[in-house]
PDB file of N, CA and C in Angstrom:
ATOM      1  N   ASP A   1      91.222  96.027  73.614  1.00  0.00           N
ATOM      2  CA  ASP A   1      90.668  96.123  72.282  1.00  0.00           C
ATOM      3  C   ASP A   1      89.383  95.298  72.219  1.00  0.00           C
ATOM      4  N   PHE A   2      88.281  95.956  71.954  1.00  0.00           N
ATOM      5  CA  PHE A   2      86.995  95.279  71.883  1.00  0.00           C
ATOM      6  C   PHE A   2      86.517  95.122  70.439  1.00  0.00           C
ATOM      7  N   GLY A   3      87.437  95.167  69.488  1.00  0.00           N
ATOM      8  CA  GLY A   3      87.080  95.068  68.075  1.00  0.00           C
ATOM      9  C   GLY A   3      86.342  93.793  67.716  1.00  0.00           C
ATOM     10  N   ASP A   4      86.664  92.687  68.391  1.00  0.00           N
ATOM     11  CA  ASP A   4      86.022  91.407  68.098  1.00  0.00           C
ATOM     12  C   ASP A   4      84.933  91.048  69.106  1.00  0.00           C
ATOM     13  N   ALA A   5      84.625  91.950  70.016  1.00  0.00           N
ATOM     14  CA  ALA A   5      83.635  91.670  71.050  1.00  0.00           C
ATOM     15  C   ALA A   5      82.248  91.535  70.431  1.00  0.00           C
ATOM     16  N   ARG A   6      81.494  90.588  70.977  1.00  0.00           N
ATOM     17  CA  ARG A   6      80.131  90.345  70.490  1.00  0.00           C
ATOM     18  C   ARG A   6      79.221  90.040  71.665  1.00  0.00           C
ATOM     19  N   ILE A   7      77.959  90.246  71.439  1.00  0.00           N
ATOM     20  CA  ILE A   7      76.944  89.849  72.403  1.00  0.00           C
ATOM     21  C   ILE A   7      76.176  88.713  71.752  1.00  0.00           C
ATOM     22  N   GLY A   8      76.003  87.630  72.485  1.00  0.00           N
ATOM     23  CA  GLY A   8      75.280  86.505  71.906  1.00  0.00           C
ATOM     24  C   GLY A   8      75.093  85.382  72.905  1.00  0.00           C
ATOM     25  N   GLU A   9      74.610  84.296  72.405  1.00  0.00           N
ATOM     26  CA  GLU A   9      74.349  83.103  73.201  1.00  0.00           C
ATOM     27  C   GLU A   9      75.664  82.539  73.746  1.00  0.00           C
ATOM     28  N   ARG A  10      75.705  82.259  75.028  1.00  0.00           N
ATOM     29  CA  ARG A  10      76.944  81.760  75.628  1.00  0.00           C
ATOM     30  C   ARG A  10      77.313  80.370  75.130  1.00  0.00           C
ATOM     31  N   LEU A  11      76.358  79.629  74.663  1.00  0.00           N
ATOM     32  CA  LEU A  11      76.629  78.304  74.116  1.00  0.00           C
ATOM     33  C   LEU A  11      77.544  78.381  72.896  1.00  0.00           C
ATOM     34  N   TYR A  12      77.468  79.476  72.156  1.00  0.00           N
ATOM     35  CA  TYR A  12      78.321  79.660  70.976  1.00  0.00           C
ATOM     36  C   TYR A  12      79.798  79.590  71.357  1.00  0.00           C
ATOM     37  N   GLU A  13      80.155  80.134  72.510  1.00  0.00           N
ATOM     38  CA  GLU A  13      81.548  80.121  72.963  1.00  0.00           C
ATOM     39  C   GLU A  13      82.012  78.724  73.360  1.00  0.00           C
ATOM     40  N   LEU A  14      81.067  77.858  73.691  1.00  0.00           N
ATOM     41  CA  LEU A  14      81.402  76.497  74.089  1.00  0.00           C
ATOM     42  C   LEU A  14      81.947  75.680  72.917  1.00  0.00           C
ATOM     43  N   ILE A  15      81.610  76.061  71.701  1.00  0.00           N
ATOM     44  CA  ILE A  15      82.056  75.319  70.521  1.00  0.00           C
ATOM     45  C   ILE A  15      83.579  75.293  70.460  1.00  0.00           C
ATOM     46  N   ALA A  16      84.202  76.443  70.582  1.00  0.00           N
ATOM     47  CA  ALA A  16      85.669  76.510  70.523  1.00  0.00           C
ATOM     48  C   ALA A  16      86.303  75.728  71.670  1.00  0.00           C
ATOM     49  N   LEU A  17      85.702  75.785  72.842  1.00  0.00           N
ATOM     50  CA  LEU A  17      86.242  75.038  73.978  1.00  0.00           C
ATOM     51  C   LEU A  17      86.193  73.535  73.736  1.00  0.00           C
ATOM     52  N   HIS A  18      85.008  73.040  73.378  1.00  0.00           N
ATOM     53  CA  HIS A  18      84.835  71.590  73.249  1.00  0.00           C
ATOM     54  C   HIS A  18      85.575  71.024  72.043  1.00  0.00           C
ATOM     55  N   VAL A  19      85.407  71.646  70.904  1.00  0.00           N
ATOM     56  CA  VAL A  19      86.005  71.104  69.686  1.00  0.00           C
ATOM     57  C   VAL A  19      87.493  71.445  69.599  1.00  0.00           C
ATOM     58  N   GLY A  20      87.867  72.630  70.066  1.00  0.00           N
ATOM     59  CA  GLY A  20      89.267  73.038  69.997  1.00  0.00           C
ATOM     60  C   GLY A  20      90.083  72.577  71.180  1.00  0.00           C
ATOM     61  N   LEU A  21      89.825  73.145  72.335  1.00  0.00           N
ATOM     62  CA  LEU A  21      90.621  72.865  73.527  1.00  0.00           C
ATOM     63  C   LEU A  21      90.449  71.432  74.034  1.00  0.00           C
ATOM     64  N   PHE A  22      89.200  70.953  74.094  1.00  0.00           N
ATOM     65  CA  PHE A  22      88.932  69.614  74.621  1.00  0.00           C
ATOM     66  C   PHE A  22      89.095  68.525  73.563  1.00  0.00           C
ATOM     67  N   HIS A  23      89.268  68.897  72.302  1.00  0.00           N
ATOM     68  CA  HIS A  23      89.401  67.947  71.184  1.00  0.00           C
ATOM     69  C   HIS A  23      88.239  66.953  71.142  1.00  0.00           C
ATOM     70  N   GLY A  24      87.044  67.440  71.485  1.00  0.00           N
ATOM     71  CA  GLY A  24      85.855  66.601  71.430  1.00  0.00           C
ATOM     72  C   GLY A  24      85.713  65.619  72.575  1.00  0.00           C
ATOM     73  N   ASP A  25      86.524  65.734  73.595  1.00  0.00           N
ATOM     74  CA  ASP A  25      86.475  64.817  74.738  1.00  0.00           C
ATOM     75  C   ASP A  25      85.256  65.159  75.603  1.00  0.00           C
ATOM     76  N   LYS A  26      84.257  64.276  75.568  1.00  0.00           N
ATOM     77  CA  LYS A  26      83.012  64.552  76.287  1.00  0.00           C
ATOM     78  C   LYS A  26      83.170  64.452  77.804  1.00  0.00           C
ATOM     79  N   THR A  27      84.191  63.749  78.268  1.00  0.00           N
ATOM     80  CA  THR A  27      84.468  63.710  79.706  1.00  0.00           C
ATOM     81  C   THR A  27      84.888  65.092  80.191  1.00  0.00           C
ATOM     82  N   LEU A  28      85.745  65.747  79.413  1.00  0.00           N
ATOM     83  CA  LEU A  28      86.155  67.112  79.755  1.00  0.00           C
ATOM     84  C   LEU A  28      84.982  68.081  79.636  1.00  0.00           C
ATOM     85  N   LEU A  29      84.149  67.886  78.614  1.00  0.00           N
ATOM     86  CA  LEU A  29      82.976  68.743  78.443  1.00  0.00           C
ATOM     87  C   LEU A  29      82.049  68.620  79.643  1.00  0.00           C
ATOM     88  N   ARG A  30      81.786  67.383  80.061  1.00  0.00           N
ATOM     89  CA  ARG A  30      80.909  67.168  81.213  1.00  0.00           C
ATOM     90  C   ARG A  30      81.498  67.822  82.468  1.00  0.00           C
ATOM     91  N   ALA A  31      82.785  67.639  82.702  1.00  0.00           N
ATOM     92  CA  ALA A  31      83.430  68.238  83.879  1.00  0.00           C
ATOM     93  C   ALA A  31      83.319  69.757  83.833  1.00  0.00           C
ATOM     94  N   PHE A  32      83.530  70.335  82.657  1.00  0.00           N
ATOM     95  CA  PHE A  32      83.412  71.786  82.517  1.00  0.00           C
ATOM     96  C   PHE A  32      81.989  72.241  82.810  1.00  0.00           C
ATOM     97  N   LEU A  33      81.010  71.571  82.204  1.00  0.00           N
ATOM     98  CA  LEU A  33      79.615  71.967  82.395  1.00  0.00           C
ATOM     99  C   LEU A  33      79.182  71.794  83.843  1.00  0.00           C
ATOM    100  N   GLU A  34      79.636  70.729  84.486  1.00  0.00           N
ATOM    101  CA  GLU A  34      79.281  70.527  85.895  1.00  0.00           C
ATOM    102  C   GLU A  34      79.869  71.622  86.775  1.00  0.00           C
ATOM    103  N   SER A  35      81.091  72.030  86.490  1.00  0.00           N
ATOM    104  CA  SER A  35      81.698  73.091  87.296  1.00  0.00           C
ATOM    105  C   SER A  35      81.090  74.456  86.981  1.00  0.00           C
ATOM    106  N   TYR A  36      80.572  74.585  85.767  1.00  0.00           N
ATOM    107  CA  TYR A  36      79.972  75.847  85.345  1.00  0.00           C
ATOM    108  C   TYR A  36      78.526  75.961  85.805  1.00  0.00           C
ATOM    109  N   GLY A  37      77.884  74.821  86.013  1.00  0.00           N
ATOM    110  CA  GLY A  37      76.475  74.788  86.381  1.00  0.00           C
ATOM    111  C   GLY A  37      75.671  74.080  85.314  1.00  0.00           C
ATOM    112  N   ILE A  38      75.818  72.783  85.245  1.00  0.00           N
ATOM    113  CA  ILE A  38      75.222  71.996  84.170  1.00  0.00           C
ATOM    114  C   ILE A  38      73.706  72.158  84.093  1.00  0.00           C
ATOM    115  N   ASP A  39      73.051  72.290  85.238  1.00  0.00           N
ATOM    116  CA  ASP A  39      71.599  72.400  85.227  1.00  0.00           C
ATOM    117  C   ASP A  39      71.123  73.641  84.486  1.00  0.00           C
ATOM    118  N   LYS A  40      71.901  74.691  84.495  1.00  0.00           N
ATOM    119  CA  LYS A  40      71.510  75.914  83.794  1.00  0.00           C
ATOM    120  C   LYS A  40      71.960  75.888  82.341  1.00  0.00           C
ATOM    121  N   MET A  41      73.048  75.195  82.064  1.00  0.00           N
ATOM    122  CA  MET A  41      73.625  75.196  80.723  1.00  0.00           C
ATOM    123  C   MET A  41      72.978  74.145  79.822  1.00  0.00           C
ATOM    124  N   VAL A  42      72.770  72.957  80.354  1.00  0.00           N
ATOM    125  CA  VAL A  42      72.274  71.851  79.545  1.00  0.00           C
ATOM    126  C   VAL A  42      70.773  71.718  79.728  1.00  0.00           C
ATOM    127  N   GLU A  43      70.085  71.901  78.651  1.00  0.00           N
ATOM    128  CA  GLU A  43      68.643  71.756  78.651  1.00  0.00           C
ATOM    129  C   GLU A  43      68.278  70.647  77.681  1.00  0.00           C
ATOM    130  N   LYS A  44      67.007  70.458  77.484  1.00  0.00           N
ATOM    131  CA  LYS A  44      66.515  69.379  76.630  1.00  0.00           C
ATOM    132  C   LYS A  44      67.091  69.453  75.214  1.00  0.00           C
ATOM    133  N   GLN A  45      67.247  70.619  74.684  1.00  0.00           N
ATOM    134  CA  GLN A  45      67.698  70.798  73.304  1.00  0.00           C
ATOM    135  C   GLN A  45      69.201  71.051  73.189  1.00  0.00           C
ATOM    136  N   PHE A  46      69.966  70.746  74.228  1.00  0.00           N
ATOM    137  CA  PHE A  46      71.395  71.059  74.239  1.00  0.00           C
ATOM    138  C   PHE A  46      72.137  70.493  73.033  1.00  0.00           C
ATOM    139  N   VAL A  47      71.967  69.208  72.748  1.00  0.00           N
ATOM    140  CA  VAL A  47      72.706  68.561  71.656  1.00  0.00           C
ATOM    141  C   VAL A  47      72.374  69.227  70.327  1.00  0.00           C
ATOM    142  N   HIS A  48      71.101  69.466  70.085  1.00  0.00           N
ATOM    143  CA  HIS A  48      70.670  70.107  68.839  1.00  0.00           C
ATOM    144  C   HIS A  48      71.220  71.531  68.736  1.00  0.00           C
ATOM    145  N   GLN A  49      71.111  72.287  69.812  1.00  0.00           N
ATOM    146  CA  GLN A  49      71.604  73.667  69.803  1.00  0.00           C
ATOM    147  C   GLN A  49      73.118  73.717  69.636  1.00  0.00           C
ATOM    148  N   ALA A  50      73.826  72.847  70.334  1.00  0.00           N
ATOM    149  CA  ALA A  50      75.286  72.833  70.234  1.00  0.00           C
ATOM    150  C   ALA A  50      75.721  72.487  68.812  1.00  0.00           C
ATOM    151  N   MET A  51      75.051  71.532  68.183  1.00  0.00           N
ATOM    152  CA  MET A  51      75.405  71.170  66.807  1.00  0.00           C
ATOM    153  C   MET A  51      75.080  72.316  65.857  1.00  0.00           C
ATOM    154  N   SER A  52      73.977  72.993  66.086  1.00  0.00           N
ATOM    155  CA  SER A  52      73.618  74.144  65.248  1.00  0.00           C
ATOM    156  C   SER A  52      74.697  75.214  65.321  1.00  0.00           C
ATOM    157  N   TYR A  53      75.157  75.519  66.528  1.00  0.00           N
ATOM    158  CA  TYR A  53      76.224  76.509  66.678  1.00  0.00           C
ATOM    159  C   TYR A  53      77.547  76.007  66.106  1.00  0.00           C
ATOM    160  N   THR A  54      77.771  74.711  66.147  1.00  0.00           N
ATOM    161  CA  THR A  54      78.975  74.142  65.533  1.00  0.00           C
ATOM    162  C   THR A  54      78.964  74.412  64.036  1.00  0.00           C
ATOM    163  N   LEU A  55      77.814  74.217  63.408  1.00  0.00           N
ATOM    164  CA  LEU A  55      77.686  74.455  61.967  1.00  0.00           C
ATOM    165  C   LEU A  55      77.793  75.938  61.629  1.00  0.00           C
ATOM    166  N   LEU A  56      77.324  76.790  62.524  1.00  0.00           N
ATOM    167  CA  LEU A  56      77.340  78.236  62.294  1.00  0.00           C
ATOM    168  C   LEU A  56      78.631  78.909  62.748  1.00  0.00           C
ATOM    169  N   PHE A  57      79.496  78.172  63.405  1.00  0.00           N
ATOM    170  CA  PHE A  57      80.700  78.764  63.990  1.00  0.00           C
ATOM    171  C   PHE A  57      81.527  79.480  62.929  1.00  0.00           C
ATOM    172  N   GLU A  58      82.120  80.580  63.332  1.00  0.00           N
ATOM    173  CA  GLU A  58      82.859  81.458  62.423  1.00  0.00           C
ATOM    174  C   GLU A  58      84.010  80.750  61.707  1.00  0.00           C
ATOM    175  N   PHE A  59      84.633  79.811  62.366  1.00  0.00           N
ATOM    176  CA  PHE A  59      85.774  79.104  61.791  1.00  0.00           C
ATOM    177  C   PHE A  59      85.421  77.636  61.572  1.00  0.00           C
ATOM    178  N   ASP A  60      86.179  76.971  60.716  1.00  0.00           N
ATOM    179  CA  ASP A  60      85.953  75.551  60.452  1.00  0.00           C
ATOM    180  C   ASP A  60      86.401  74.741  61.660  1.00  0.00           C
ATOM    181  N   VAL A  61      85.457  74.225  62.396  1.00  0.00           N
ATOM    182  CA  VAL A  61      85.790  73.378  63.533  1.00  0.00           C
ATOM    183  C   VAL A  61      85.486  71.912  63.244  1.00  0.00           C
ATOM    184  N   LEU A  62      84.614  71.661  62.284  1.00  0.00           N
ATOM    185  CA  LEU A  62      84.268  70.279  61.969  1.00  0.00           C
ATOM    186  C   LEU A  62      85.382  69.558  61.220  1.00  0.00           C
ATOM    187  N   GLY A  63      86.013  70.228  60.270  1.00  0.00           N
ATOM    188  CA  GLY A  63      87.082  69.596  59.495  1.00  0.00           C
ATOM    189  C   GLY A  63      88.164  68.999  60.375  1.00  0.00           C
ATOM    190  N   PRO A  64      88.758  69.798  61.250  1.00  0.00           N
ATOM    191  CA  PRO A  64      89.818  69.268  62.114  1.00  0.00           C
ATOM    192  C   PRO A  64      89.357  68.160  63.069  1.00  0.00           C
ATOM    193  N   ILE A  65      88.162  68.301  63.653  1.00  0.00           N
ATOM    194  CA  ILE A  65      87.710  67.281  64.605  1.00  0.00           C
ATOM    195  C   ILE A  65      87.343  65.989  63.879  1.00  0.00           C
ATOM    196  N   LEU A  66      86.802  66.087  62.669  1.00  0.00           N
ATOM    197  CA  LEU A  66      86.503  64.882  61.892  1.00  0.00           C
ATOM    198  C   LEU A  66      87.785  64.184  61.455  1.00  0.00           C
ATOM    199  N   GLN A  67      88.791  64.956  61.136  1.00  0.00           N
ATOM    200  CA  GLN A  67      90.074  64.381  60.739  1.00  0.00           C
ATOM    201  C   GLN A  67      90.765  63.710  61.931  1.00  0.00           C
ATOM    202  N   ALA A  68      90.677  64.326  63.094  1.00  0.00           N
ATOM    203  CA  ALA A  68      91.356  63.811  64.283  1.00  0.00           C
ATOM    204  C   ALA A  68      90.604  62.673  64.972  1.00  0.00           C
ATOM    205  N   THR A  69      89.294  62.579  64.727  1.00  0.00           N
ATOM    206  CA  THR A  69      88.467  61.583  65.416  1.00  0.00           C
ATOM    207  C   THR A  69      87.724  60.730  64.396  1.00  0.00           C
ATOM    208  N   PRO A  70      88.334  59.650  63.932  1.00  0.00           N
ATOM    209  CA  PRO A  70      87.722  58.813  62.896  1.00  0.00           C
ATOM    210  C   PRO A  70      86.332  58.287  63.250  1.00  0.00           C
ATOM    211  N   SER A  71      86.058  58.043  64.527  1.00  0.00           N
ATOM    212  CA  SER A  71      84.748  57.511  64.909  1.00  0.00           C
ATOM    213  C   SER A  71      83.615  58.472  64.566  1.00  0.00           C
ATOM    214  N   LEU A  72      83.897  59.767  64.519  1.00  0.00           N
ATOM    215  CA  LEU A  72      82.862  60.742  64.164  1.00  0.00           C
ATOM    216  C   LEU A  72      82.471  60.627  62.694  1.00  0.00           C
ATOM    217  N   ARG A  73      83.387  60.143  61.868  1.00  0.00           N
ATOM    218  CA  ARG A  73      83.116  60.026  60.432  1.00  0.00           C
ATOM    219  C   ARG A  73      82.112  58.931  60.112  1.00  0.00           C
ATOM    220  N   SER A  74      81.801  58.082  61.080  1.00  0.00           N
ATOM    221  CA  SER A  74      80.830  57.013  60.851  1.00  0.00           C
ATOM    222  C   SER A  74      79.391  57.514  60.934  1.00  0.00           C
ATOM    223  N   ALA A  75      79.199  58.742  61.363  1.00  0.00           N
ATOM    224  CA  ALA A  75      77.844  59.306  61.488  1.00  0.00           C
ATOM    225  C   ALA A  75      77.178  59.367  60.119  1.00  0.00           C
ATOM    226  N   THR A  76      75.952  58.891  60.057  1.00  0.00           N
ATOM    227  CA  THR A  76      75.214  58.867  58.794  1.00  0.00           C
ATOM    228  C   THR A  76      74.244  60.032  58.655  1.00  0.00           C
ATOM    229  N   SER A  77      74.171  60.873  59.682  1.00  0.00           N
ATOM    230  CA  SER A  77      73.297  62.044  59.635  1.00  0.00           C
ATOM    231  C   SER A  77      73.859  63.112  60.568  1.00  0.00           C
ATOM    232  N   LEU A  78      73.367  64.322  60.411  1.00  0.00           N
ATOM    233  CA  LEU A  78      73.777  65.395  61.323  1.00  0.00           C
ATOM    234  C   LEU A  78      73.318  65.110  62.748  1.00  0.00           C
ATOM    235  N   ALA A  79      72.147  64.497  62.872  1.00  0.00           N
ATOM    236  CA  ALA A  79      71.642  64.166  64.208  1.00  0.00           C
ATOM    237  C   ALA A  79      72.572  63.176  64.909  1.00  0.00           C
ATOM    238  N   LYS A  80      73.057  62.183  64.167  1.00  0.00           N
ATOM    239  CA  LYS A  80      73.980  61.203  64.743  1.00  0.00           C
ATOM    240  C   LYS A  80      75.325  61.853  65.071  1.00  0.00           C
ATOM    241  N   LEU A  81      75.812  62.724  64.190  1.00  0.00           N
ATOM    242  CA  LEU A  81      77.059  63.439  64.453  1.00  0.00           C
ATOM    243  C   LEU A  81      76.917  64.311  65.700  1.00  0.00           C
ATOM    244  N   ALA A  82      75.775  64.977  65.826  1.00  0.00           N
ATOM    245  CA  ALA A  82      75.516  65.810  67.008  1.00  0.00           C
ATOM    246  C   ALA A  82      75.548  64.965  68.275  1.00  0.00           C
ATOM    247  N   GLU A  83      74.941  63.797  68.209  1.00  0.00           N
ATOM    248  CA  GLU A  83      74.925  62.895  69.362  1.00  0.00           C
ATOM    249  C   GLU A  83      76.346  62.440  69.725  1.00  0.00           C
ATOM    250  N   LEU A  84      77.115  62.044  68.718  1.00  0.00           N
ATOM    251  CA  LEU A  84      78.484  61.579  68.959  1.00  0.00           C
ATOM    252  C   LEU A  84      79.380  62.682  69.516  1.00  0.00           C
ATOM    253  N   LEU A  85      79.153  63.892  69.068  1.00  0.00           N
ATOM    254  CA  LEU A  85      80.013  65.007  69.456  1.00  0.00           C
ATOM    255  C   LEU A  85      79.574  65.695  70.742  1.00  0.00           C
ATOM    256  N   TRP A  86      78.259  65.804  70.951  1.00  0.00           N
ATOM    257  CA  TRP A  86      77.757  66.663  72.031  1.00  0.00           C
ATOM    258  C   TRP A  86      76.964  65.978  73.140  1.00  0.00           C
ATOM    259  N   ASP A  87      76.456  64.773  72.934  1.00  0.00           N
ATOM    260  CA  ASP A  87      75.610  64.148  73.953  1.00  0.00           C
ATOM    261  C   ASP A  87      76.466  63.656  75.116  1.00  0.00           C
ATOM    262  N   ILE A  88      76.310  64.247  76.270  1.00  0.00           N
ATOM    263  CA  ILE A  88      77.119  63.884  77.436  1.00  0.00           C
ATOM    264  C   ILE A  88      76.367  62.968  78.397  1.00  0.00           C
ATOM    265  N   GLU A  89      75.204  62.545  78.017  1.00  0.00           N
ATOM    266  CA  GLU A  89      74.422  61.633  78.872  1.00  0.00           C
ATOM    267  C   GLU A  89      74.904  60.217  78.750  1.00  0.00           C
TER     268      GLU A  89
END
């Protein structure tokens, strides 16, 4: 059944993996990206793009991760939240 099939940016699919499956664990994210080919996946704008797709994601992924990870709630801006959630450097 291809009813939900879409064509789009592959980074969009990473949102569900990182926020859902990995529960925001950046160690798991880094391991995944390294095995997938980090040099091709992570570019200069990775954190910004990943946060943009997080905000645009079809389902609410921020609510559950903010509830489960109190340290993310200390972010005073979207840029800081993006850094806390997505920056693997």
